[in-house]
Structure formats: structure tokens, C-alpha cells
Amino acid sequence: MSDSLSTVSDKLGMPPGALVHVGNVHEAVTRLFVVDYTSEYANEHSIQSIDELRQYRNSSSITWVIIEGLTDVGVVEDVGKMFDIHPLVLEDILNTHQRPKFEEYDDYLFIVLKCLMPEKGEFSVNYEQISLLVLRNVVLMFKEKTDDLFNPLLKQLRNSKGRLRSSGSDYLTYSVLDNIVDQGFLLIDALDETVILVESDVYDNPTPATLNQIQRLKREMINVRRNMSPVREMLAAMLRSESPLIHEQTYLYLRDVSDHSLRVIESVESYRDILSGLLEIYISSISNKMNEVMKVLTVFASIFIPLTFLAGIYGMNFEYMPELHWKWAYPALWVAFITIPAVLLVYFKKKKWL
């Protein structure tokens, strides 16, 4: 949960590479968690001091460093200095409004993407920026929040039989990317359930609340598309990379992630079209209801116009009106009042206006 917002304007006037957190300020306290593993063992522990990371710089094991919470700029800066990360990269990590991208440096790869997760209850999307620095035997991951998003990967690392334990930092990176992209399928499932309910409301009982729901979902789809579409470009750039940090066999897995991202994007586009169709159906339904109301009012007006005409004539105060002195004038007028509406109703029914 975010309680405040730091904006780009906070950085105005600062030199390039100045480290300032930009984005939602979350309640998560900055903490470091390390998973160090080989095919023989896997150790997990929290880091209390940045100096504890020094032992992993040249280690032969694979080390996954998870930094949760970005509000403590000093921690991010110290980690960057420990692993010789360029200040501009650290600046991008702290700016949580980054577009998903892939950048290649001499000694490391830099990856930024958004993790999109459905909220519980009413459909909405929870966005979290995740940045990865991929070194030879180390993967640094910077997250905005504390959550259980990567628990499945931690379980795999605890299992000595998994491929993850016997592979390098590039395969760990693939696993992280795959886990993030696959959250999109959970999002699509949640969206599908919501769209079914909205579709039912549109056909059965469209109300202003239905319109608000459609508009809200369309806005969510725009945001989802804005954050998911660049992921395909990012993965394409990774597949084109000739970095020695990515082994040949890992490219096969990255292609699979790219395929998953494409499926999510296509699903988002499909649901956006469905919502546009539901909006048109809603407008048509409301228009039809209005036409029905106007038809009823027109029928009543058509019935009462001749009656009002007759009542207006015989309600005038002229002295010489022959009909006023006829014995059967009043009953005749009532016969007219009953006959005219009856004839009109029969006529309207034959025309199928009623």
C-alpha cells in the first residue's frame, strides 16, 4: 500500500546520476535477502550490512540478492558501489516510472519490467516495478514491495533436483522473468470473470454503474497494455544480445517467455475489443429503453389529443352551441371518449407499435 508519492519534479536541477526515489512510497522497509546456491547446496539468509555482500562478488556459487523496498536510497547506492554499477543505472532503478527495457553493459545486464498482479475483490491491477542486474554469478533484484511473488522460485531452489540449482545466473534471470510474465495469465483469468459479470449486466440490467465499470476496465486495459507491450521489445532485445552472460541454451527459454508475453498482450487486446463492444451494446440498450419510453408517451399523447380537442370545443363559453341543448349530447361525448381511444389502441396494435 502506498501512502505518498515522490515525483520527477523532486529531481529538477539535479545532475545526471543523482539518486532520488521517484514513485509511490510504500510501507515496505528496505531489506536485503540472499539466496546463495550451487548444485550441492542452497543457503538463504537476510543481510544486515552491505559489507556482507562482498564475499559473493567473486564467488563460484550463484547468488540471488533480493532488495525489497526502494525508499532507502543509501542502501541502493551502497549496493551499486559494491558491484560497480553505473550511477545512471541506479538512477533508473530508483525511478519506478521506467518503461520496460533491456540494456547491455560490459560486466552486467540491466533489465526493467513491471509485474502486473490482480488485486483481490473488485478487479484492479497492482503494478510493481522490478529491476534486475545480471552479473556473471550474481543477480541483483530490486523490488518496490515485500510480497510472496517469488516463493515458487525459492521452493525450486530448495529442491536439489531442479534445473535451476545446476544452472547459471542467466537461467535464474529467465526464471524470474518467466514468473513475472506468467502473472499476466492470472490477471487475464481475473479479468475474464469480471467481464462475464459485466456482460451479464449489460444484457440483463444495464445501469449507470455498469457504464462506470466498463469505463474503469477500459482504463485498466490501457494501463496494462502500456506496461506489457514493451516487454516483448525488451525480450526481443535480449534474444538479439550476444552477451557472454547469456548462454546459448538459455535463449530457448527466453523465447518461451517472449511467447507467453505475446499471448498475454493478445488477450489484453482481445478483452479491450470486447469491452468496446459491450460499451456499444450498453449505449444501444439505453437508447432502446429511451425509445420504448418515448413510444409509450407518444401513444398516450396520440390518444389524448382528440379527446382534448373535443373537451376544448365543448368547454368554450359560447351561448349558441346547438349540441349543448341536445338530450343525448353528454352520453354521446362519453361514447366518443371511449370509442376513439379503443379504435386507436386497435390500430396501434395492428401496426405493432404496442
Protein backbone atom coordinates (compact mmCIF):
# COMPACT_ATOMS: atom_id res chain seq x y z
CA MET A 1 0.00 0.00 0.00
CA SER A 2 1.36 3.42 -0.95
CA ASP A 3 0.95 6.38 1.36
CA SER A 4 2.65 9.15 -0.61
CA LEU A 5 4.25 9.94 -3.93
CA SER A 6 7.65 11.31 -4.88
CA THR A 7 7.60 12.85 -8.35
CA VAL A 8 10.05 13.63 -11.13
CA SER A 9 9.83 17.30 -10.15
CA ASP A 10 11.76 16.39 -6.98
CA LYS A 11 14.82 15.82 -9.22
CA LEU A 12 14.68 19.08 -11.14
CA GLY A 13 18.02 20.85 -11.12
CA MET A 14 19.97 17.78 -10.01
CA PRO A 15 22.89 16.44 -12.09
CA PRO A 16 22.58 13.17 -14.09
CA GLY A 17 23.02 10.15 -11.86
CA ALA A 18 21.67 11.90 -8.76
CA LEU A 19 19.93 9.21 -6.72
CA VAL A 20 16.40 10.18 -5.71
CA HIS A 21 13.48 7.80 -5.31
CA VAL A 22 10.67 8.61 -7.75
CA GLY A 23 7.28 6.91 -7.49
CA ASN A 24 4.92 5.60 -4.85
CA VAL A 25 6.41 5.46 -1.37
CA HIS A 26 5.39 2.07 0.00
CA GLU A 27 5.25 0.97 3.59
CA ALA A 28 7.80 -1.79 2.96
CA VAL A 29 11.03 -1.28 4.90
CA THR A 30 14.14 -1.74 2.77
CA ARG A 31 15.65 -5.16 3.45
CA LEU A 32 18.14 -7.45 1.75
CA PHE A 33 17.72 -11.18 1.36
CA VAL A 34 20.31 -13.51 -0.17
CA VAL A 35 19.97 -16.95 -1.72
CA ASP A 36 23.37 -18.50 -2.42
CA TYR A 37 23.36 -21.86 -4.15
CA THR A 38 25.12 -24.50 -6.20
CA SER A 39 24.02 -27.94 -7.30
CA GLU A 40 25.18 -29.18 -3.87
CA TYR A 41 23.58 -26.68 -1.50
CA ALA A 42 21.25 -23.67 -1.18
CA ASN A 43 21.57 -21.16 1.65
CA GLU A 44 19.08 -18.40 2.44
CA HIS A 45 19.59 -15.56 4.90
CA SER A 46 18.89 -11.88 5.48
CA ILE A 47 21.64 -9.30 5.16
CA GLN A 48 22.14 -6.80 7.97
CA SER A 49 25.15 -4.99 6.49
CA ILE A 50 26.12 -4.25 2.90
CA ASP A 51 29.64 -5.49 3.66
CA GLU A 52 28.22 -9.00 3.96
CA LEU A 53 27.68 -8.96 0.19
CA ARG A 54 31.40 -8.56 -0.51
CA GLN A 55 32.03 -12.30 -0.17
CA TYR A 56 29.71 -13.02 -3.11
CA ARG A 57 31.39 -10.75 -5.65
CA ASN A 58 33.86 -13.38 -6.85
CA SER A 59 32.15 -16.48 -5.52
CA SER A 60 31.85 -19.56 -7.74
CA SER A 61 28.31 -20.15 -6.48
CA ILE A 62 25.23 -18.39 -7.88
CA THR A 63 23.93 -15.60 -5.64
CA TRP A 64 20.48 -14.06 -5.84
CA VAL A 65 20.29 -10.80 -3.90
CA ILE A 66 16.75 -9.52 -3.33
CA ILE A 67 16.43 -5.87 -2.29
CA GLU A 68 12.86 -5.12 -1.19
CA GLY A 69 11.80 -1.50 -0.74
CA LEU A 70 13.46 1.36 -2.62
CA THR A 71 12.84 4.27 -0.26
CA ASP A 72 16.25 3.88 1.41
CA VAL A 73 18.36 5.42 -1.35
CA GLY A 74 21.56 4.86 0.64
CA VAL A 75 21.15 1.08 0.52
CA VAL A 76 20.69 1.11 -3.26
CA GLU A 77 23.71 3.38 -3.64
CA ASP A 78 25.90 1.17 -1.45
CA VAL A 79 24.88 -1.98 -3.33
CA GLY A 80 25.68 -0.21 -6.60
CA LYS A 81 29.14 0.77 -5.38
CA MET A 82 29.78 -2.75 -4.12
CA PHE A 83 29.17 -4.22 -7.59
CA ASP A 84 30.48 -1.28 -9.69
CA ILE A 85 27.08 -0.33 -11.13
CA HIS A 86 26.88 2.91 -13.12
CA PRO A 87 25.06 5.78 -11.31
CA LEU A 88 22.69 6.25 -14.26
CA VAL A 89 21.56 2.63 -13.87
CA LEU A 90 20.95 3.17 -10.16
CA GLU A 91 19.02 6.32 -11.04
CA ASP A 92 16.76 4.26 -13.33
CA ILE A 93 16.25 1.65 -10.61
CA LEU A 94 15.02 4.30 -8.18
CA ASN A 95 12.68 5.82 -10.78
CA THR A 96 9.70 3.44 -10.66
CA HIS A 97 8.07 5.08 -13.69
CA GLN A 98 10.51 3.39 -16.06
CA ARG A 99 9.43 1.77 -19.28
CA PRO A 100 10.34 -1.95 -19.54
CA LYS A 101 13.76 -2.16 -21.18
CA PHE A 102 16.97 -4.15 -21.60
CA GLU A 103 20.44 -2.58 -21.53
CA GLU A 104 23.77 -4.29 -22.03
CA TYR A 105 26.95 -3.18 -20.25
CA ASP A 106 30.47 -4.60 -20.17
CA ASP A 107 30.13 -6.58 -16.95
CA TYR A 108 26.39 -6.81 -16.41
CA LEU A 109 22.94 -6.69 -17.98
CA PHE A 110 20.22 -4.30 -16.82
CA ILE A 111 16.55 -5.29 -17.10
CA VAL A 112 13.48 -3.33 -16.03
CA LEU A 113 9.89 -4.52 -16.25
CA LYS A 114 6.57 -4.23 -14.47
CA CYS A 115 4.89 -7.07 -12.62
CA LEU A 116 1.11 -6.90 -13.03
CA MET A 117 -0.92 -8.73 -10.40
CA PRO A 118 -4.71 -8.77 -9.91
CA GLU A 119 -6.00 -7.41 -6.61
CA LYS A 120 -8.40 -9.45 -4.52
CA GLY A 121 -12.07 -8.48 -4.60
CA GLU A 122 -13.14 -5.98 -7.25
CA PHE A 123 -10.93 -6.26 -10.31
CA SER A 124 -7.97 -3.90 -10.31
CA VAL A 125 -4.30 -4.24 -11.20
CA ASN A 126 -1.40 -3.94 -8.80
CA TYR A 127 1.74 -2.63 -10.54
CA GLU A 128 5.25 -3.22 -9.22
CA GLN A 129 8.49 -2.28 -10.95
CA ILE A 130 11.21 -4.91 -10.75
CA SER A 131 14.79 -4.20 -11.84
CA LEU A 132 17.42 -6.87 -12.46
CA LEU A 133 21.19 -6.57 -12.66
CA VAL A 134 22.67 -9.75 -14.10
CA LEU A 135 26.36 -10.33 -13.38
CA ARG A 136 28.48 -13.42 -14.03
CA ASN A 137 27.43 -15.27 -10.87
CA VAL A 138 25.17 -12.72 -9.18
CA VAL A 139 21.65 -11.48 -9.86
CA LEU A 140 20.63 -8.29 -8.04
CA MET A 141 16.86 -7.81 -7.93
CA PHE A 142 15.29 -4.54 -6.77
CA LYS A 143 11.60 -4.62 -5.80
CA GLU A 144 9.24 -1.94 -4.56
CA LYS A 145 7.27 -4.13 -2.14
CA THR A 146 7.50 -7.07 0.21
CA ASP A 147 5.38 -9.94 -1.07
CA ASP A 148 5.42 -13.66 -1.84
CA LEU A 149 5.72 -13.24 -5.61
CA PHE A 150 8.88 -15.34 -5.91
CA ASN A 151 8.06 -18.04 -3.38
CA PRO A 152 7.73 -20.64 -6.20
CA LEU A 153 11.33 -19.92 -7.26
CA LEU A 154 12.57 -20.17 -3.69
CA LYS A 155 10.88 -23.57 -3.43
CA GLN A 156 12.63 -24.67 -6.62
CA LEU A 157 15.98 -23.61 -5.20
CA ARG A 158 15.34 -25.65 -2.06
CA ASN A 159 14.77 -28.67 -4.29
CA SER A 160 18.17 -30.09 -5.23
CA LYS A 161 16.72 -31.92 -8.23
CA GLY A 162 15.63 -28.82 -10.13
CA ARG A 163 17.35 -27.42 -13.25
CA LEU A 164 17.59 -24.04 -11.53
CA ARG A 165 20.12 -25.30 -8.98
CA SER A 166 22.52 -26.56 -11.62
CA SER A 167 22.32 -23.54 -13.97
CA GLY A 168 23.89 -20.09 -14.03
CA SER A 169 22.74 -16.56 -13.34
CA ASP A 170 21.22 -16.28 -16.82
CA TYR A 171 18.84 -19.18 -16.13
CA LEU A 172 17.89 -17.61 -12.79
CA THR A 173 17.13 -14.42 -14.71
CA TYR A 174 14.96 -16.36 -17.13
CA SER A 175 13.09 -17.94 -14.20
CA VAL A 176 12.43 -14.53 -12.65
CA LEU A 177 11.20 -13.12 -15.97
CA ASP A 178 9.00 -16.15 -16.57
CA ASN A 179 7.47 -15.83 -13.10
CA ILE A 180 6.70 -12.15 -13.69
CA VAL A 181 5.25 -12.58 -17.18
CA ASP A 182 3.11 -15.54 -16.08
CA GLN A 183 1.38 -13.25 -13.57
CA GLY A 184 -0.29 -11.87 -16.68
CA PHE A 185 -2.23 -15.12 -17.10
CA LEU A 186 -3.61 -14.78 -13.56
CA LEU A 187 -4.58 -11.24 -14.50
CA ILE A 188 -6.37 -12.44 -17.64
CA ASP A 189 -8.27 -15.10 -15.65
CA ALA A 190 -9.45 -12.49 -13.14
CA LEU A 191 -10.38 -10.14 -15.98
CA ASP A 192 -12.35 -12.89 -17.72
CA GLU A 193 -14.50 -13.46 -14.62
CA THR A 194 -15.17 -9.73 -14.29
CA VAL A 195 -16.03 -9.28 -17.98
CA ILE A 196 -18.53 -12.16 -17.80
CA LEU A 197 -20.34 -10.41 -14.93
CA VAL A 198 -20.31 -7.07 -16.74
CA GLU A 199 -21.57 -8.72 -19.92
CA SER A 200 -24.47 -10.24 -17.96
CA ASP A 201 -25.35 -6.81 -16.53
CA VAL A 202 -25.22 -5.20 -19.96
CA TYR A 203 -27.69 -7.69 -21.43
CA ASP A 204 -29.98 -8.12 -18.41
CA ASN A 205 -30.00 -4.87 -16.46
CA PRO A 206 -27.75 -2.07 -17.74
CA THR A 207 -27.38 0.74 -15.21
CA PRO A 208 -25.07 3.75 -14.84
CA ALA A 209 -22.95 1.56 -12.53
CA THR A 210 -22.47 -0.85 -15.46
CA LEU A 211 -21.20 2.00 -17.62
CA ASN A 212 -18.77 3.07 -14.88
CA GLN A 213 -17.49 -0.50 -14.62
CA ILE A 214 -16.91 -0.74 -18.38
CA GLN A 215 -15.07 2.57 -18.45
CA ARG A 216 -12.93 1.58 -15.46
CA LEU A 217 -11.98 -1.74 -17.06
CA LYS A 218 -11.11 0.01 -20.33
CA ARG A 219 -8.77 2.36 -18.45
CA GLU A 220 -7.17 -0.63 -16.71
CA MET A 221 -6.64 -2.33 -20.07
CA ILE A 222 -4.94 0.78 -21.44
CA ASN A 223 -2.54 0.79 -18.47
CA VAL A 224 -1.92 -2.96 -18.76
CA ARG A 225 -1.18 -2.65 -22.47
CA ARG A 226 1.14 0.30 -21.83
CA ASN A 227 3.16 -1.79 -19.39
CA MET A 228 3.04 -5.14 -21.21
CA SER A 229 3.68 -4.13 -24.83
CA PRO A 230 7.31 -3.01 -24.22
CA VAL A 231 8.06 -6.37 -22.56
CA ARG A 232 8.00 -8.03 -25.98
CA GLU A 233 10.51 -5.48 -27.28
CA MET A 234 12.66 -5.99 -24.19
CA LEU A 235 12.73 -9.76 -24.67
CA ALA A 236 13.45 -9.33 -28.38
CA ALA A 237 16.47 -7.21 -27.45
CA MET A 238 17.65 -9.95 -25.07
CA LEU A 239 17.29 -12.56 -27.80
CA ARG A 240 19.40 -10.41 -30.13
CA SER A 241 22.08 -9.92 -27.48
CA GLU A 242 25.42 -11.67 -27.90
CA SER A 243 26.46 -11.09 -24.31
CA PRO A 244 28.66 -13.83 -22.81
CA LEU A 245 26.46 -13.58 -19.71
CA ILE A 246 23.65 -15.37 -21.59
CA HIS A 247 24.40 -18.98 -22.52
CA GLU A 248 23.17 -20.46 -25.77
CA GLN A 249 20.66 -22.85 -24.19
CA THR A 250 19.05 -20.03 -22.21
CA TYR A 251 17.87 -18.35 -25.42
CA LEU A 252 15.40 -21.22 -25.92
CA TYR A 253 13.78 -20.45 -22.58
CA LEU A 254 13.74 -16.72 -23.27
CA ARG A 255 11.84 -17.40 -26.49
CA ASP A 256 9.25 -19.22 -24.41
CA VAL A 257 8.87 -16.18 -22.14
CA SER A 258 8.53 -13.99 -25.23
CA ASP A 259 5.75 -16.27 -26.47
CA HIS A 260 3.97 -16.01 -23.11
CA SER A 261 4.20 -12.23 -23.16
CA LEU A 262 2.75 -12.18 -26.69
CA ARG A 263 -0.20 -14.32 -25.57
CA VAL A 264 -0.88 -12.00 -22.64
CA ILE A 265 -0.72 -8.92 -24.88
CA GLU A 266 -3.06 -10.52 -27.43
CA SER A 267 -5.50 -11.43 -24.64
CA VAL A 268 -5.44 -7.85 -23.36
CA GLU A 269 -6.14 -6.56 -26.87
CA SER A 270 -8.99 -9.06 -27.22
CA TYR A 271 -10.61 -8.01 -23.96
CA ARG A 272 -10.20 -4.37 -24.85
CA ASP A 273 -12.17 -5.04 -28.05
CA ILE A 274 -14.78 -6.97 -26.04
CA LEU A 275 -15.18 -4.04 -23.64
CA SER A 276 -15.56 -1.64 -26.57
CA GLY A 277 -18.29 -3.92 -27.93
CA LEU A 278 -20.01 -4.04 -24.53
CA LEU A 279 -19.90 -0.25 -24.38
CA GLU A 280 -21.64 -0.04 -27.77
CA ILE A 281 -24.23 -2.61 -26.65
CA TYR A 282 -24.81 -0.63 -23.45
CA ILE A 283 -25.38 2.58 -25.40
CA SER A 284 -27.73 0.78 -27.81
CA SER A 285 -29.62 -0.80 -24.90
CA ILE A 286 -30.08 2.53 -23.15
CA SER A 287 -31.15 4.09 -26.46
CA ASN A 288 -33.70 1.30 -26.99
CA LYS A 289 -35.06 1.83 -23.49
CA MET A 290 -35.41 5.53 -24.21
CA ASN A 291 -37.18 4.74 -27.47
CA GLU A 292 -39.62 2.49 -25.60
CA VAL A 293 -40.38 5.28 -23.15
CA MET A 294 -40.87 7.75 -26.00
CA LYS A 295 -43.15 5.28 -27.78
CA VAL A 296 -45.38 4.90 -24.71
CA LEU A 297 -45.53 8.66 -24.25
CA THR A 298 -46.37 9.12 -27.94
CA VAL A 299 -49.19 6.55 -27.73
CA PHE A 300 -50.71 8.30 -24.72
CA ALA A 301 -50.36 11.68 -26.42
CA SER A 302 -52.00 10.31 -29.60
CA ILE A 303 -54.94 9.02 -27.56
CA PHE A 304 -55.50 12.17 -25.57
CA ILE A 305 -55.05 14.70 -28.37
CA PRO A 306 -58.51 14.06 -29.96
CA LEU A 307 -60.09 13.84 -26.50
CA THR A 308 -58.52 17.14 -25.52
CA PHE A 309 -59.77 18.63 -28.79
CA LEU A 310 -63.36 17.60 -28.09
CA ALA A 311 -63.18 18.70 -24.47
CA GLY A 312 -61.74 22.03 -25.57
CA ILE A 313 -64.53 22.70 -28.05
CA TYR A 314 -67.38 21.91 -25.70
CA GLY A 315 -65.71 23.65 -22.83
CA MET A 316 -65.99 27.03 -24.58
CA ASN A 317 -68.46 29.58 -23.16
CA PHE A 318 -70.41 30.37 -26.33
CA GLU A 319 -74.14 30.90 -25.83
CA TYR A 320 -75.27 29.41 -29.14
CA MET A 321 -73.84 25.88 -29.29
CA PRO A 322 -76.65 23.59 -30.56
CA GLU A 323 -75.12 20.42 -29.10
CA LEU A 324 -75.33 21.79 -25.57
CA HIS A 325 -79.12 21.62 -25.71
CA TRP A 326 -79.39 18.10 -27.14
CA LYS A 327 -80.76 15.49 -24.77
CA TRP A 328 -78.11 12.87 -25.63
CA ALA A 329 -75.16 15.23 -26.12
CA TYR A 330 -73.40 14.31 -22.87
CA PRO A 331 -73.69 10.50 -23.32
CA ALA A 332 -72.61 10.89 -26.96
CA LEU A 333 -69.50 12.71 -25.86
CA TRP A 334 -68.64 9.88 -23.47
CA VAL A 335 -69.16 7.35 -26.24
CA ALA A 336 -66.69 9.34 -28.34
CA PHE A 337 -64.25 9.47 -25.42
CA ILE A 338 -64.34 5.66 -25.14
CA THR A 339 -64.54 4.77 -28.84
CA ILE A 340 -61.69 6.96 -30.08
CA PRO A 341 -59.04 5.50 -27.67
CA ALA A 342 -60.29 1.96 -28.36
CA VAL A 343 -60.00 2.43 -32.13
CA LEU A 344 -56.55 3.98 -31.76
CA LEU A 345 -55.35 1.15 -29.50
CA VAL A 346 -56.52 -1.48 -32.00
CA TYR A 347 -54.81 0.44 -34.80
CA PHE A 348 -51.55 0.72 -32.84
CA LYS A 349 -51.58 -3.00 -32.06
CA LYS A 350 -52.11 -3.89 -35.72
CA LYS A 351 -49.14 -1.69 -36.59
CA LYS A 352 -47.19 -3.43 -33.78
CA TRP A 353 -46.47 -0.14 -32.10
CA LEU A 354 -47.59 -1.65 -28.81
